[in-house]
Amino acid sequence: MDANELMPGAHVLDTKGLLCPLPVIRLQEFARSVESETEVVVIATDPGVLADIPSWCRVNGHEHVSSKQLDHEFHVIVRALPQFIDS
């Protein structure tokens, strides 16, 4: 992952050692808290994130930016968008 790929203020979510679905759950918890467009780098050791996170993004209205394997880690970049719920 190149630093030029990230938005200023990007958040790193370290989920190394967690098995799916926990990395997705951690991402979901973080995404619920964003008040403006926020880039998140999920770092995981479970290869399941390569399929699970892009699918989660499609279903939940967030943007999957990229996925890369670096040695034994998987880095998934997501653009989390604020979710507005009508009351």
PDB file of N, CA and C in Angstrom:
ATOM      1  N   MET A   1       0.858  -1.171   0.000  1.00  0.00           N
ATOM      2  CA  MET A   1       0.000   0.000   0.000  1.00  0.00           C
ATOM      3  C   MET A   1       0.896   1.223   0.000  1.00  0.00           C
ATOM      4  N   ASP A   2       0.636   2.098  -0.886  1.00  0.00           N
ATOM      5  CA  ASP A   2       1.404   3.321  -1.037  1.00  0.00           C
ATOM      6  C   ASP A   2       0.680   4.451  -0.314  1.00  0.00           C
ATOM      7  N   ALA A   3       1.424   5.271   0.413  1.00  0.00           N
ATOM      8  CA  ALA A   3       0.816   6.375   1.169  1.00  0.00           C
ATOM      9  C   ALA A   3       0.055   7.332   0.262  1.00  0.00           C
ATOM     10  N   ASN A   4       0.432   7.399  -1.021  1.00  0.00           N
ATOM     11  CA  ASN A   4      -0.261   8.290  -1.952  1.00  0.00           C
ATOM     12  C   ASN A   4      -1.672   7.819  -2.266  1.00  0.00           C
ATOM     13  N   GLU A   5      -1.973   6.554  -1.989  1.00  0.00           N
ATOM     14  CA  GLU A   5      -3.307   6.018  -2.246  1.00  0.00           C
ATOM     15  C   GLU A   5      -4.319   6.477  -1.199  1.00  0.00           C
ATOM     16  N   LEU A   6      -3.856   6.914  -0.055  1.00  0.00           N
ATOM     17  CA  LEU A   6      -4.744   7.207   1.063  1.00  0.00           C
ATOM     18  C   LEU A   6      -5.120   8.675   1.133  1.00  0.00           C
ATOM     19  N   MET A   7      -6.351   8.911   1.560  1.00  0.00           N
ATOM     20  CA  MET A   7      -6.802  10.269   1.825  1.00  0.00           C
ATOM     21  C   MET A   7      -6.109  10.764   3.087  1.00  0.00           C
ATOM     22  N   PRO A   8      -5.892  12.069   3.212  1.00  0.00           N
ATOM     23  CA  PRO A   8      -5.375  12.588   4.488  1.00  0.00           C
ATOM     24  C   PRO A   8      -6.350  12.203   5.607  1.00  0.00           C
ATOM     25  N   GLY A   9      -5.813  11.790   6.733  1.00  0.00           N
ATOM     26  CA  GLY A   9      -6.661  11.420   7.860  1.00  0.00           C
ATOM     27  C   GLY A   9      -7.231  10.018   7.765  1.00  0.00           C
ATOM     28  N   ALA A  10      -6.707   9.183   6.857  1.00  0.00           N
ATOM     29  CA  ALA A  10      -7.195   7.812   6.727  1.00  0.00           C
ATOM     30  C   ALA A  10      -7.020   7.083   8.058  1.00  0.00           C
ATOM     31  N   HIS A  11      -7.956   6.218   8.355  1.00  0.00           N
ATOM     32  CA  HIS A  11      -7.954   5.467   9.608  1.00  0.00           C
ATOM     33  C   HIS A  11      -7.446   4.055   9.328  1.00  0.00           C
ATOM     34  N   VAL A  12      -6.596   3.529  10.192  1.00  0.00           N
ATOM     35  CA  VAL A  12      -6.104   2.154  10.058  1.00  0.00           C
ATOM     36  C   VAL A  12      -6.828   1.297  11.089  1.00  0.00           C
ATOM     37  N   LEU A  13      -7.434   0.217  10.603  1.00  0.00           N
ATOM     38  CA  LEU A  13      -8.163  -0.712  11.455  1.00  0.00           C
ATOM     39  C   LEU A  13      -7.393  -2.026  11.457  1.00  0.00           C
ATOM     40  N   ASP A  14      -6.695  -2.306  12.554  1.00  0.00           N
ATOM     41  CA  ASP A  14      -5.855  -3.500  12.661  1.00  0.00           C
ATOM     42  C   ASP A  14      -6.704  -4.667  13.148  1.00  0.00           C
ATOM     43  N   THR A  15      -6.966  -5.622  12.247  1.00  0.00           N
ATOM     44  CA  THR A  15      -7.756  -6.800  12.617  1.00  0.00           C
ATOM     45  C   THR A  15      -6.926  -8.072  12.488  1.00  0.00           C
ATOM     46  N   LYS A  16      -5.602  -7.910  12.527  1.00  0.00           N
ATOM     47  CA  LYS A  16      -4.726  -9.082  12.419  1.00  0.00           C
ATOM     48  C   LYS A  16      -5.051 -10.079  13.534  1.00  0.00           C
ATOM     49  N   GLY A  17      -5.112 -11.354  13.143  1.00  0.00           N
ATOM     50  CA  GLY A  17      -5.387 -12.417  14.106  1.00  0.00           C
ATOM     51  C   GLY A  17      -6.868 -12.719  14.270  1.00  0.00           C
ATOM     52  N   LEU A  18      -7.734 -11.860  13.747  1.00  0.00           N
ATOM     53  CA  LEU A  18      -9.175 -12.100  13.844  1.00  0.00           C
ATOM     54  C   LEU A  18      -9.648 -12.853  12.607  1.00  0.00           C
ATOM     55  N   LEU A  19     -10.543 -13.800  12.806  1.00  0.00           N
ATOM     56  CA  LEU A  19     -11.116 -14.549  11.695  1.00  0.00           C
ATOM     57  C   LEU A  19     -12.459 -13.963  11.315  1.00  0.00           C
ATOM     58  N   CYS A  20     -12.806 -14.096  10.037  1.00  0.00           N
ATOM     59  CA  CYS A  20     -14.102 -13.611   9.573  1.00  0.00           C
ATOM     60  C   CYS A  20     -15.199 -14.341  10.338  1.00  0.00           C
ATOM     61  N   PRO A  21     -16.221 -13.606  10.722  1.00  0.00           N
ATOM     62  CA  PRO A  21     -16.615 -12.297  10.239  1.00  0.00           C
ATOM     63  C   PRO A  21     -16.109 -11.119  11.080  1.00  0.00           C
ATOM     64  N   LEU A  22     -15.226 -11.331  12.041  1.00  0.00           N
ATOM     65  CA  LEU A  22     -14.832 -10.251  12.946  1.00  0.00           C
ATOM     66  C   LEU A  22     -14.201  -9.037  12.259  1.00  0.00           C
ATOM     67  N   PRO A  23     -13.329  -9.189  11.241  1.00  0.00           N
ATOM     68  CA  PRO A  23     -12.827  -7.974  10.589  1.00  0.00           C
ATOM     69  C   PRO A  23     -13.957  -7.139   9.963  1.00  0.00           C
ATOM     70  N   VAL A  24     -14.948  -7.796   9.388  1.00  0.00           N
ATOM     71  CA  VAL A  24     -16.082  -7.085   8.796  1.00  0.00           C
ATOM     72  C   VAL A  24     -16.908  -6.409   9.888  1.00  0.00           C
ATOM     73  N   ILE A  25     -17.094  -7.074  11.001  1.00  0.00           N
ATOM     74  CA  ILE A  25     -17.848  -6.496  12.120  1.00  0.00           C
ATOM     75  C   ILE A  25     -17.122  -5.266  12.656  1.00  0.00           C
ATOM     76  N   ARG A  26     -15.803  -5.333  12.795  1.00  0.00           N
ATOM     77  CA  ARG A  26     -15.031  -4.172  13.275  1.00  0.00           C
ATOM     78  C   ARG A  26     -15.152  -3.003  12.289  1.00  0.00           C
ATOM     79  N   LEU A  27     -15.112  -3.327  10.989  1.00  0.00           N
ATOM     80  CA  LEU A  27     -15.271  -2.288   9.972  1.00  0.00           C
ATOM     81  C   LEU A  27     -16.674  -1.683  10.054  1.00  0.00           C
ATOM     82  N   GLN A  28     -17.668  -2.517  10.229  1.00  0.00           N
ATOM     83  CA  GLN A  28     -19.046  -2.024  10.328  1.00  0.00           C
ATOM     84  C   GLN A  28     -19.207  -1.108  11.534  1.00  0.00           C
ATOM     85  N   GLU A  29     -18.651  -1.495  12.672  1.00  0.00           N
ATOM     86  CA  GLU A  29     -18.727  -0.658  13.873  1.00  0.00           C
ATOM     87  C   GLU A  29     -18.077   0.701  13.625  1.00  0.00           C
ATOM     88  N   PHE A  30     -16.915   0.692  12.970  1.00  0.00           N
ATOM     89  CA  PHE A  30     -16.243   1.950  12.676  1.00  0.00           C
ATOM     90  C   PHE A  30     -17.064   2.785  11.691  1.00  0.00           C
ATOM     91  N   ALA A  31     -17.551   2.163  10.634  1.00  0.00           N
ATOM     92  CA  ALA A  31     -18.280   2.880   9.586  1.00  0.00           C
ATOM     93  C   ALA A  31     -19.540   3.554  10.123  1.00  0.00           C
ATOM     94  N   ARG A  32     -20.175   2.945  11.099  1.00  0.00           N
ATOM     95  CA  ARG A  32     -21.376   3.553  11.684  1.00  0.00           C
ATOM     96  C   ARG A  32     -21.069   4.880  12.365  1.00  0.00           C
ATOM     97  N   SER A  33     -19.812   5.075  12.758  1.00  0.00           N
ATOM     98  CA  SER A  33     -19.453   6.277  13.515  1.00  0.00           C
ATOM     99  C   SER A  33     -18.988   7.436  12.636  1.00  0.00           C
ATOM    100  N   VAL A  34     -18.796   7.207  11.332  1.00  0.00           N
ATOM    101  CA  VAL A  34     -18.248   8.286  10.504  1.00  0.00           C
ATOM    102  C   VAL A  34     -19.301   9.354  10.230  1.00  0.00           C
ATOM    103  N   GLU A  35     -18.860  10.600  10.300  1.00  0.00           N
ATOM    104  CA  GLU A  35     -19.759  11.728  10.033  1.00  0.00           C
ATOM    105  C   GLU A  35     -19.470  12.357   8.681  1.00  0.00           C
ATOM    106  N   SER A  36     -18.339  11.986   8.072  1.00  0.00           N
ATOM    107  CA  SER A  36     -18.002  12.444   6.728  1.00  0.00           C
ATOM    108  C   SER A  36     -17.243  11.309   6.045  1.00  0.00           C
ATOM    109  N   GLU A  37     -17.080  11.449   4.743  1.00  0.00           N
ATOM    110  CA  GLU A  37     -16.369  10.418   3.987  1.00  0.00           C
ATOM    111  C   GLU A  37     -15.011  10.166   4.619  1.00  0.00           C
ATOM    112  N   THR A  38     -14.733   8.911   4.928  1.00  0.00           N
ATOM    113  CA  THR A  38     -13.504   8.551   5.628  1.00  0.00           C
ATOM    114  C   THR A  38     -12.903   7.315   4.985  1.00  0.00           C
ATOM    115  N   GLU A  39     -11.614   7.370   4.722  1.00  0.00           N
ATOM    116  CA  GLU A  39     -10.947   6.210   4.165  1.00  0.00           C
ATOM    117  C   GLU A  39     -10.419   5.348   5.310  1.00  0.00           C
ATOM    118  N   VAL A  40     -10.608   4.050   5.173  1.00  0.00           N
ATOM    119  CA  VAL A  40     -10.217   3.090   6.205  1.00  0.00           C
ATOM    120  C   VAL A  40      -9.348   2.025   5.551  1.00  0.00           C
ATOM    121  N   VAL A  41      -8.225   1.720   6.181  1.00  0.00           N
ATOM    122  CA  VAL A  41      -7.381   0.624   5.738  1.00  0.00           C
ATOM    123  C   VAL A  41      -7.571  -0.504   6.745  1.00  0.00           C
ATOM    124  N   VAL A  42      -8.150  -1.603   6.294  1.00  0.00           N
ATOM    125  CA  VAL A  42      -8.324  -2.772   7.157  1.00  0.00           C
ATOM    126  C   VAL A  42      -7.122  -3.674   6.908  1.00  0.00           C
ATOM    127  N   ILE A  43      -6.376  -3.951   7.962  1.00  0.00           N
ATOM    128  CA  ILE A  43      -5.225  -4.851   7.875  1.00  0.00           C
ATOM    129  C   ILE A  43      -5.633  -6.145   8.555  1.00  0.00           C
ATOM    130  N   ALA A  44      -5.562  -7.244   7.799  1.00  0.00           N
ATOM    131  CA  ALA A  44      -6.042  -8.527   8.313  1.00  0.00           C
ATOM    132  C   ALA A  44      -5.083  -9.646   7.934  1.00  0.00           C
ATOM    133  N   THR A  45      -5.197 -10.754   8.636  1.00  0.00           N
ATOM    134  CA  THR A  45      -4.440 -11.957   8.298  1.00  0.00           C
ATOM    135  C   THR A  45      -5.357 -13.040   7.741  1.00  0.00           C
ATOM    136  N   ASP A  46      -6.650 -12.834   7.789  1.00  0.00           N
ATOM    137  CA  ASP A  46      -7.624 -13.793   7.257  1.00  0.00           C
ATOM    138  C   ASP A  46      -7.900 -13.438   5.793  1.00  0.00           C
ATOM    139  N   PRO A  47      -7.572 -14.330   4.846  1.00  0.00           N
ATOM    140  CA  PRO A  47      -7.793 -14.020   3.436  1.00  0.00           C
ATOM    141  C   PRO A  47      -9.266 -13.848   3.066  1.00  0.00           C
ATOM    142  N   GLY A  48     -10.164 -14.232   3.941  1.00  0.00           N
ATOM    143  CA  GLY A  48     -11.589 -14.068   3.689  1.00  0.00           C
ATOM    144  C   GLY A  48     -11.994 -12.618   3.488  1.00  0.00           C
ATOM    145  N   VAL A  49     -11.198 -11.683   4.023  1.00  0.00           N
ATOM    146  CA  VAL A  49     -11.546 -10.260   3.871  1.00  0.00           C
ATOM    147  C   VAL A  49     -11.518  -9.818   2.414  1.00  0.00           C
ATOM    148  N   LEU A  50     -10.752 -10.515   1.574  1.00  0.00           N
ATOM    149  CA  LEU A  50     -10.651 -10.126   0.168  1.00  0.00           C
ATOM    150  C   LEU A  50     -11.989 -10.249  -0.558  1.00  0.00           C
ATOM    151  N   ALA A  51     -12.832 -11.159  -0.125  1.00  0.00           N
ATOM    152  CA  ALA A  51     -14.173 -11.297  -0.708  1.00  0.00           C
ATOM    153  C   ALA A  51     -15.229 -10.658   0.181  1.00  0.00           C
ATOM    154  N   ASP A  52     -15.079 -10.808   1.491  1.00  0.00           N
ATOM    155  CA  ASP A  52     -16.125 -10.369   2.421  1.00  0.00           C
ATOM    156  C   ASP A  52     -16.267  -8.847   2.484  1.00  0.00           C
ATOM    157  N   ILE A  53     -15.169  -8.124   2.516  1.00  0.00           N
ATOM    158  CA  ILE A  53     -15.266  -6.664   2.657  1.00  0.00           C
ATOM    159  C   ILE A  53     -15.834  -6.003   1.398  1.00  0.00           C
ATOM    160  N   PRO A  54     -15.378  -6.362   0.178  1.00  0.00           N
ATOM    161  CA  PRO A  54     -16.019  -5.770  -0.999  1.00  0.00           C
ATOM    162  C   PRO A  54     -17.529  -6.070  -1.063  1.00  0.00           C
ATOM    163  N   SER A  55     -17.925  -7.277  -0.674  1.00  0.00           N
ATOM    164  CA  SER A  55     -19.360  -7.622  -0.649  1.00  0.00           C
ATOM    165  C   SER A  55     -20.093  -6.762   0.368  1.00  0.00           C
ATOM    166  N   TRP A  56     -19.512  -6.599   1.543  1.00  0.00           N
ATOM    167  CA  TRP A  56     -20.125  -5.776   2.584  1.00  0.00           C
ATOM    168  C   TRP A  56     -20.287  -4.340   2.083  1.00  0.00           C
ATOM    169  N   CYS A  57     -19.272  -3.835   1.374  1.00  0.00           N
ATOM    170  CA  CYS A  57     -19.346  -2.471   0.835  1.00  0.00           C
ATOM    171  C   CYS A  57     -20.521  -2.328  -0.133  1.00  0.00           C
ATOM    172  N   ARG A  58     -20.683  -3.281  -1.043  1.00  0.00           N
ATOM    173  CA  ARG A  58     -21.784  -3.218  -2.018  1.00  0.00           C
ATOM    174  C   ARG A  58     -23.132  -3.203  -1.321  1.00  0.00           C
ATOM    175  N   VAL A  59     -23.301  -4.039  -0.325  1.00  0.00           N
ATOM    176  CA  VAL A  59     -24.580  -4.160   0.374  1.00  0.00           C
ATOM    177  C   VAL A  59     -24.882  -2.930   1.224  1.00  0.00           C
ATOM    178  N   ASN A  60     -23.837  -2.309   1.793  1.00  0.00           N
ATOM    179  CA  ASN A  60     -24.041  -1.242   2.769  1.00  0.00           C
ATOM    180  C   ASN A  60     -23.747   0.168   2.277  1.00  0.00           C
ATOM    181  N   GLY A  61     -23.495   0.324   0.982  1.00  0.00           N
ATOM    182  CA  GLY A  61     -23.341   1.664   0.430  1.00  0.00           C
ATOM    183  C   GLY A  61     -21.999   2.328   0.686  1.00  0.00           C
ATOM    184  N   HIS A  62     -20.955   1.547   0.856  1.00  0.00           N
ATOM    185  CA  HIS A  62     -19.608   2.083   1.010  1.00  0.00           C
ATOM    186  C   HIS A  62     -18.809   1.711  -0.238  1.00  0.00           C
ATOM    187  N   GLU A  63     -17.634   2.290  -0.395  1.00  0.00           N
ATOM    188  CA  GLU A  63     -16.848   2.057  -1.603  1.00  0.00           C
ATOM    189  C   GLU A  63     -15.598   1.246  -1.310  1.00  0.00           C
ATOM    190  N   HIS A  64     -15.442   0.124  -1.990  1.00  0.00           N
ATOM    191  CA  HIS A  64     -14.218  -0.663  -1.912  1.00  0.00           C
ATOM    192  C   HIS A  64     -13.225  -0.017  -2.875  1.00  0.00           C
ATOM    193  N   VAL A  65     -12.099   0.464  -2.347  1.00  0.00           N
ATOM    194  CA  VAL A  65     -11.109   1.170  -3.157  1.00  0.00           C
ATOM    195  C   VAL A  65     -10.093   0.197  -3.735  1.00  0.00           C
ATOM    196  N   SER A  66      -9.513  -0.650  -2.889  1.00  0.00           N
ATOM    197  CA  SER A  66      -8.525  -1.615  -3.369  1.00  0.00           C
ATOM    198  C   SER A  66      -8.264  -2.688  -2.317  1.00  0.00           C
ATOM    199  N   SER A  67      -7.681  -3.777  -2.785  1.00  0.00           N
ATOM    200  CA  SER A  67      -7.256  -4.870  -1.905  1.00  0.00           C
ATOM    201  C   SER A  67      -5.885  -5.330  -2.371  1.00  0.00           C
ATOM    202  N   LYS A  68      -5.010  -5.596  -1.405  1.00  0.00           N
ATOM    203  CA  LYS A  68      -3.669  -6.064  -1.730  1.00  0.00           C
ATOM    204  C   LYS A  68      -3.214  -7.074  -0.693  1.00  0.00           C
ATOM    205  N   GLN A  69      -2.415  -8.038  -1.138  1.00  0.00           N
ATOM    206  CA  GLN A  69      -1.754  -8.941  -0.207  1.00  0.00           C
ATOM    207  C   GLN A  69      -0.319  -8.491  -0.090  1.00  0.00           C
ATOM    208  N   LEU A  70       0.136  -8.261   1.143  1.00  0.00           N
ATOM    209  CA  LEU A  70       1.516  -7.888   1.424  1.00  0.00           C
ATOM    210  C   LEU A  70       2.067  -8.910   2.402  1.00  0.00           C
ATOM    211  N   ASP A  71       2.906  -9.806   1.887  1.00  0.00           N
ATOM    212  CA  ASP A  71       3.416 -10.927   2.669  1.00  0.00           C
ATOM    213  C   ASP A  71       2.246 -11.739   3.210  1.00  0.00           C
ATOM    214  N   HIS A  72       2.110 -11.820   4.533  1.00  0.00           N
ATOM    215  CA  HIS A  72       1.032 -12.622   5.129  1.00  0.00           C
ATOM    216  C   HIS A  72      -0.118 -11.755   5.616  1.00  0.00           C
ATOM    217  N   GLU A  73      -0.184 -10.535   5.145  1.00  0.00           N
ATOM    218  CA  GLU A  73      -1.256  -9.613   5.537  1.00  0.00           C
ATOM    219  C   GLU A  73      -2.059  -9.214   4.304  1.00  0.00           C
ATOM    220  N   PHE A  74      -3.300  -8.869   4.553  1.00  0.00           N
ATOM    221  CA  PHE A  74      -4.190  -8.390   3.508  1.00  0.00           C
ATOM    222  C   PHE A  74      -4.606  -6.976   3.884  1.00  0.00           C
ATOM    223  N   HIS A  75      -4.427  -6.039   2.960  1.00  0.00           N
ATOM    224  CA  HIS A  75      -4.773  -4.638   3.196  1.00  0.00           C
ATOM    225  C   HIS A  75      -5.936  -4.300   2.272  1.00  0.00           C
ATOM    226  N   VAL A  76      -7.056  -3.923   2.878  1.00  0.00           N
ATOM    227  CA  VAL A  76      -8.244  -3.579   2.121  1.00  0.00           C
ATOM    228  C   VAL A  76      -8.583  -2.125   2.425  1.00  0.00           C
ATOM    229  N   ILE A  77      -8.649  -1.308   1.374  1.00  0.00           N
ATOM    230  CA  ILE A  77      -8.965   0.108   1.549  1.00  0.00           C
ATOM    231  C   ILE A  77     -10.425   0.326   1.192  1.00  0.00           C
ATOM    232  N   VAL A  78     -11.134   0.958   2.125  1.00  0.00           N
ATOM    233  CA  VAL A  78     -12.565   1.224   1.979  1.00  0.00           C
ATOM    234  C   VAL A  78     -12.807   2.706   2.186  1.00  0.00           C
ATOM    235  N   ARG A  79     -13.680   3.277   1.380  1.00  0.00           N
ATOM    236  CA  ARG A  79     -14.130   4.645   1.606  1.00  0.00           C
ATOM    237  C   ARG A  79     -15.488   4.521   2.299  1.00  0.00           C
ATOM    238  N   ALA A  80     -15.488   4.772   3.613  1.00  0.00           N
ATOM    239  CA  ALA A  80     -16.719   4.684   4.409  1.00  0.00           C
ATOM    240  C   ALA A  80     -17.486   5.980   4.258  1.00  0.00           C
ATOM    241  N   LEU A  81     -18.746   5.853   3.937  1.00  0.00           N
ATOM    242  CA  LEU A  81     -19.600   7.023   3.735  1.00  0.00           C
ATOM    243  C   LEU A  81     -20.599   7.126   4.872  1.00  0.00           C
ATOM    244  N   PRO A  82     -20.918   8.344   5.295  1.00  0.00           N
ATOM    245  CA  PRO A  82     -21.894   8.489   6.378  1.00  0.00           C
ATOM    246  C   PRO A  82     -23.235   7.912   5.967  1.00  0.00           C
ATOM    247  N   GLN A  83     -23.876   7.272   6.894  1.00  0.00           N
ATOM    248  CA  GLN A  83     -25.169   6.658   6.647  1.00  0.00           C
ATOM    249  C   GLN A  83     -26.231   7.432   7.406  1.00  0.00           C
ATOM    250  N   PHE A  84     -27.153   8.012   6.681  1.00  0.00           N
ATOM    251  CA  PHE A  84     -28.196   8.799   7.313  1.00  0.00           C
ATOM    252  C   PHE A  84     -29.473   7.958   7.387  1.00  0.00           C
ATOM    253  N   ILE A  85     -30.031   7.893   8.578  1.00  0.00           N
ATOM    254  CA  ILE A  85     -31.224   7.092   8.802  1.00  0.00           C
ATOM    255  C   ILE A  85     -32.377   8.049   9.092  1.00  0.00           C
ATOM    256  N   ASP A  86     -33.451   7.918   8.336  1.00  0.00           N
ATOM    257  CA  ASP A  86     -34.635   8.744   8.581  1.00  0.00           C
ATOM    258  C   ASP A  86     -35.288   8.334   9.880  1.00  0.00           C
ATOM    259  N   SER A  87     -35.632   9.320  10.691  1.00  0.00           N
ATOM    260  CA  SER A  87     -36.264   9.032  11.982  1.00  0.00           C
ATOM    261  C   SER A  87     -37.770   9.039  11.846  1.00  0.00           C
TER     262      SER A  87
END
